[in-house]
Amino acid sequence: MKSNPRITHRRQFLKGLGLAAAVASPVVARAMEGAERVVALDHTHTHEQIRQIYAVGDRYLPQGLDVLNHFLRDHYSGDVGQMDPQLFDQLHRVRLLLGARMPYQVISGYRSPRTNEHLRQTRGGGVATRSLHMDGRAIDVRLPGVPLAELRDAALSLQAGGVGYYHGEQFVHLDTGRVRRW
C-alpha cells in the first residue's frame, strides 16, 4: 500500500514537535495574537453546522460564546450549558497544528447531569460519574481528513487538559481538566 506523503509529513511533524515546542509553536502563538479565533463545527446528532468567531486577540466575544453554547447544547434534552472558552482555544490550536481545513465533527458537547446519568447507566461504562461534559469543559470530536491518532497526538502535544482516545467509537475527547490521557 502506498503511503500518503501529506499524512506521513504531518506524522513526522507531530512526532518531532515535543511538548514544549507545541505549546510555544510560533505558528500557534502568531495565530492567537490579535487575530480572530474561529471554530468550525458540524454536529453529528443535530446535523447543524457552524463557523463562529469566538475571540479576538486575548478577548472572548460574549455573543460568539453564547452562539457556541447553544450549538453544543445537550442534544438529548436541549439544555444549554456554559462551555469553557479554553476548550475552543484547544480546538483552534489543534486545527492550526494539523493544518486542517475541515470543520470538527462533534459527537458530544455539554451534557446535563440527567443525561450523563442516563448514559452512564445504559452505555455499559465509559461515562464518568462527574464528567467534565456536565461542566461545559469537555467535547468529543473527530476531524475529517485527519487520522484519529494524529488528532489525539496534536491535542496531547498542547498539554492543555485531558485527552481520551476512543478508536472503536471514532472520536477523541478533549477537556480543560488536569493534563492526563487515556
Protein backbone atom coordinates (compact mmCIF):
# COMPACT_ATOMS: atom_id res chain seq x y z
CA MET A 1 0.00 0.00 0.00
CA LYS A 2 1.36 3.40 -1.00
CA SER A 3 1.61 5.96 1.82
CA ASN A 4 0.11 9.40 1.59
CA PRO A 5 3.01 11.92 1.67
CA ARG A 6 0.86 14.61 3.36
CA ILE A 7 -0.08 12.26 6.21
CA THR A 8 3.48 10.96 6.51
CA HIS A 9 4.83 14.54 6.66
CA ARG A 10 2.25 15.51 9.30
CA ARG A 11 3.12 12.45 11.40
CA GLN A 12 6.82 13.31 11.26
CA PHE A 13 5.98 16.90 12.18
CA LEU A 14 3.92 15.86 15.19
CA LYS A 15 6.48 13.31 16.37
CA GLY A 16 9.23 15.92 16.13
CA LEU A 17 7.30 18.61 17.94
CA GLY A 18 7.96 17.69 21.52
CA LEU A 19 5.73 19.05 24.26
CA ALA A 20 7.42 22.41 24.80
CA ALA A 21 7.64 23.15 21.09
CA ALA A 22 3.93 22.52 20.59
CA VAL A 23 2.94 24.86 23.38
CA ALA A 24 5.33 27.59 22.21
CA SER A 25 4.86 26.98 18.49
CA PRO A 26 5.41 30.27 16.62
CA VAL A 27 2.60 29.38 14.21
CA VAL A 28 0.14 28.86 17.06
CA ALA A 29 1.39 31.88 19.00
CA ARG A 30 1.02 34.21 15.99
CA ALA A 31 -2.47 32.88 15.29
CA MET A 32 -3.52 33.60 18.87
CA GLU A 33 -2.13 37.18 18.96
CA GLY A 34 -4.54 39.85 17.84
CA ALA A 35 -6.22 37.66 15.25
CA GLU A 36 -9.77 36.43 15.19
CA ARG A 37 -10.13 32.95 16.61
CA VAL A 38 -12.71 30.81 14.87
CA VAL A 39 -14.12 27.38 15.49
CA ALA A 40 -15.94 25.41 12.78
CA LEU A 41 -18.19 22.53 13.86
CA ASP A 42 -20.61 20.02 12.37
CA HIS A 43 -22.84 18.29 14.93
CA THR A 44 -23.31 14.60 14.17
CA HIS A 45 -26.61 14.38 16.10
CA THR A 46 -28.40 17.64 15.30
CA HIS A 47 -26.91 17.96 11.78
CA GLU A 48 -26.29 21.65 12.45
CA GLN A 49 -23.17 23.37 11.18
CA ILE A 50 -21.43 26.48 12.45
CA ARG A 51 -18.37 28.60 11.83
CA GLN A 52 -18.13 31.08 14.68
CA ILE A 53 -15.68 33.80 15.71
CA TYR A 54 -15.43 33.45 19.48
CA ALA A 55 -12.42 35.65 20.32
CA VAL A 56 -10.24 38.43 19.00
CA GLY A 57 -6.75 38.56 20.45
CA ASP A 58 -6.99 37.94 24.17
CA ARG A 59 -10.68 38.97 24.35
CA TYR A 60 -13.50 36.45 24.20
CA LEU A 61 -16.66 37.64 22.47
CA PRO A 62 -19.72 37.03 24.69
CA GLN A 63 -22.13 36.84 21.75
CA GLY A 64 -19.91 34.32 19.93
CA LEU A 65 -19.62 32.22 23.08
CA ASP A 66 -23.41 32.29 23.54
CA VAL A 67 -23.90 31.01 19.98
CA LEU A 68 -21.41 28.18 20.60
CA ASN A 69 -23.05 27.33 23.95
CA HIS A 70 -26.36 26.88 22.17
CA PHE A 71 -24.78 24.87 19.35
CA LEU A 72 -23.13 22.49 21.85
CA ARG A 73 -26.27 22.06 23.95
CA ASP A 74 -27.26 18.65 25.31
CA HIS A 75 -28.71 17.09 22.16
CA TYR A 76 -30.89 14.73 24.24
CA SER A 77 -32.63 17.31 26.45
CA GLY A 78 -31.98 20.62 24.70
CA ASP A 79 -30.44 22.04 27.90
CA VAL A 80 -27.83 24.70 27.22
CA GLY A 81 -24.71 24.81 29.38
CA GLN A 82 -21.87 27.26 29.53
CA MET A 83 -18.83 25.91 27.68
CA ASP A 84 -15.32 26.77 28.86
CA PRO A 85 -13.82 29.15 26.25
CA GLN A 86 -10.43 27.48 26.74
CA LEU A 87 -11.95 24.39 25.14
CA PHE A 88 -12.47 26.41 21.95
CA ASP A 89 -8.85 27.56 22.20
CA GLN A 90 -7.76 23.92 22.31
CA LEU A 91 -9.81 23.11 19.22
CA HIS A 92 -8.45 26.18 17.44
CA ARG A 93 -4.83 25.37 18.32
CA VAL A 94 -5.12 21.70 17.33
CA ARG A 95 -6.58 22.64 13.97
CA LEU A 96 -3.70 25.07 13.39
CA LEU A 97 -1.10 22.47 14.37
CA LEU A 98 -2.58 19.97 11.93
CA GLY A 99 -3.17 22.45 9.13
CA ALA A 100 -6.72 21.10 8.91
CA ARG A 101 -9.39 22.89 6.92
CA MET A 102 -12.49 20.79 7.56
CA PRO A 103 -14.83 21.50 10.50
CA TYR A 104 -14.70 19.26 13.54
CA GLN A 105 -17.46 16.68 13.76
CA VAL A 106 -18.97 16.96 17.25
CA ILE A 107 -20.21 13.80 18.92
CA SER A 108 -20.88 15.32 22.35
CA GLY A 109 -20.53 18.76 23.93
CA TYR A 110 -22.48 19.83 27.01
CA ARG A 111 -24.37 17.11 28.92
CA SER A 112 -26.93 17.78 31.61
CA PRO A 113 -26.47 15.77 34.83
CA ARG A 114 -29.66 13.84 33.98
CA THR A 115 -28.39 12.89 30.50
CA ASN A 116 -24.99 11.97 31.90
CA GLU A 117 -26.57 9.64 34.45
CA HIS A 118 -28.78 8.06 31.80
CA LEU A 119 -25.76 7.43 29.55
CA ARG A 120 -23.77 6.08 32.48
CA GLN A 121 -26.49 3.53 33.22
CA THR A 122 -27.17 2.50 29.63
CA ARG A 123 -23.78 2.55 27.90
CA GLY A 124 -22.05 -0.19 29.86
CA GLY A 125 -19.21 2.00 31.11
CA GLY A 126 -17.13 4.78 29.65
CA VAL A 127 -19.22 7.64 31.07
CA ALA A 128 -17.78 9.26 34.18
CA THR A 129 -19.99 9.98 37.18
CA ARG A 130 -18.58 13.54 37.37
CA SER A 131 -18.00 14.03 33.67
CA LEU A 132 -16.49 17.36 32.64
CA HIS A 133 -19.14 17.42 29.89
CA MET A 134 -21.58 18.45 32.66
CA ASP A 135 -19.41 21.48 33.45
CA GLY A 136 -19.02 22.52 29.81
CA ARG A 137 -15.34 21.59 30.00
CA ALA A 138 -15.28 18.64 27.57
CA ILE A 139 -16.05 17.82 23.96
CA ASP A 140 -15.87 14.63 21.88
CA VAL A 141 -14.80 15.22 18.27
CA ARG A 142 -13.18 13.89 15.15
CA LEU A 143 -11.66 15.84 12.27
CA PRO A 144 -12.36 14.65 8.72
CA GLY A 145 -9.20 14.00 6.76
CA VAL A 146 -7.09 13.62 9.90
CA PRO A 147 -6.38 10.16 11.29
CA LEU A 148 -7.74 9.85 14.80
CA ALA A 149 -4.32 9.06 16.28
CA GLU A 150 -2.90 12.28 14.80
CA LEU A 151 -5.76 14.30 16.27
CA ARG A 152 -5.02 12.71 19.65
CA ASP A 153 -1.27 13.35 19.34
CA ALA A 154 -1.77 17.00 18.41
CA ALA A 155 -4.11 17.52 21.38
CA LEU A 156 -1.65 15.79 23.71
CA SER A 157 1.18 18.00 22.48
CA LEU A 158 -0.63 21.09 23.80
CA GLN A 159 -0.67 19.79 27.40
CA ALA A 160 -3.87 21.82 27.85
CA GLY A 161 -6.11 19.24 29.54
CA GLY A 162 -7.32 15.68 29.31
CA VAL A 163 -7.24 13.72 26.07
CA GLY A 164 -9.12 10.46 25.62
CA TYR A 165 -8.66 8.26 22.57
CA TYR A 166 -11.70 6.21 21.56
CA HIS A 167 -10.56 4.38 18.45
CA GLY A 168 -13.52 1.98 18.37
CA GLU A 169 -16.06 4.79 18.68
CA GLN A 170 -14.04 7.02 16.34
CA PHE A 171 -13.61 10.14 18.43
CA VAL A 172 -11.15 11.98 20.63
CA HIS A 173 -12.25 13.51 23.93
CA LEU A 174 -10.72 16.89 24.84
CA ASP A 175 -11.24 18.67 28.13
CA THR A 176 -9.90 21.55 30.20
CA GLY A 177 -9.33 19.45 33.30
CA ARG A 178 -5.94 18.37 34.57
CA VAL A 179 -3.46 17.10 31.98
CA ARG A 180 -3.93 13.35 31.56
CA ARG A 181 -4.52 10.76 28.86
CA TRP A 182 -6.40 7.53 28.37
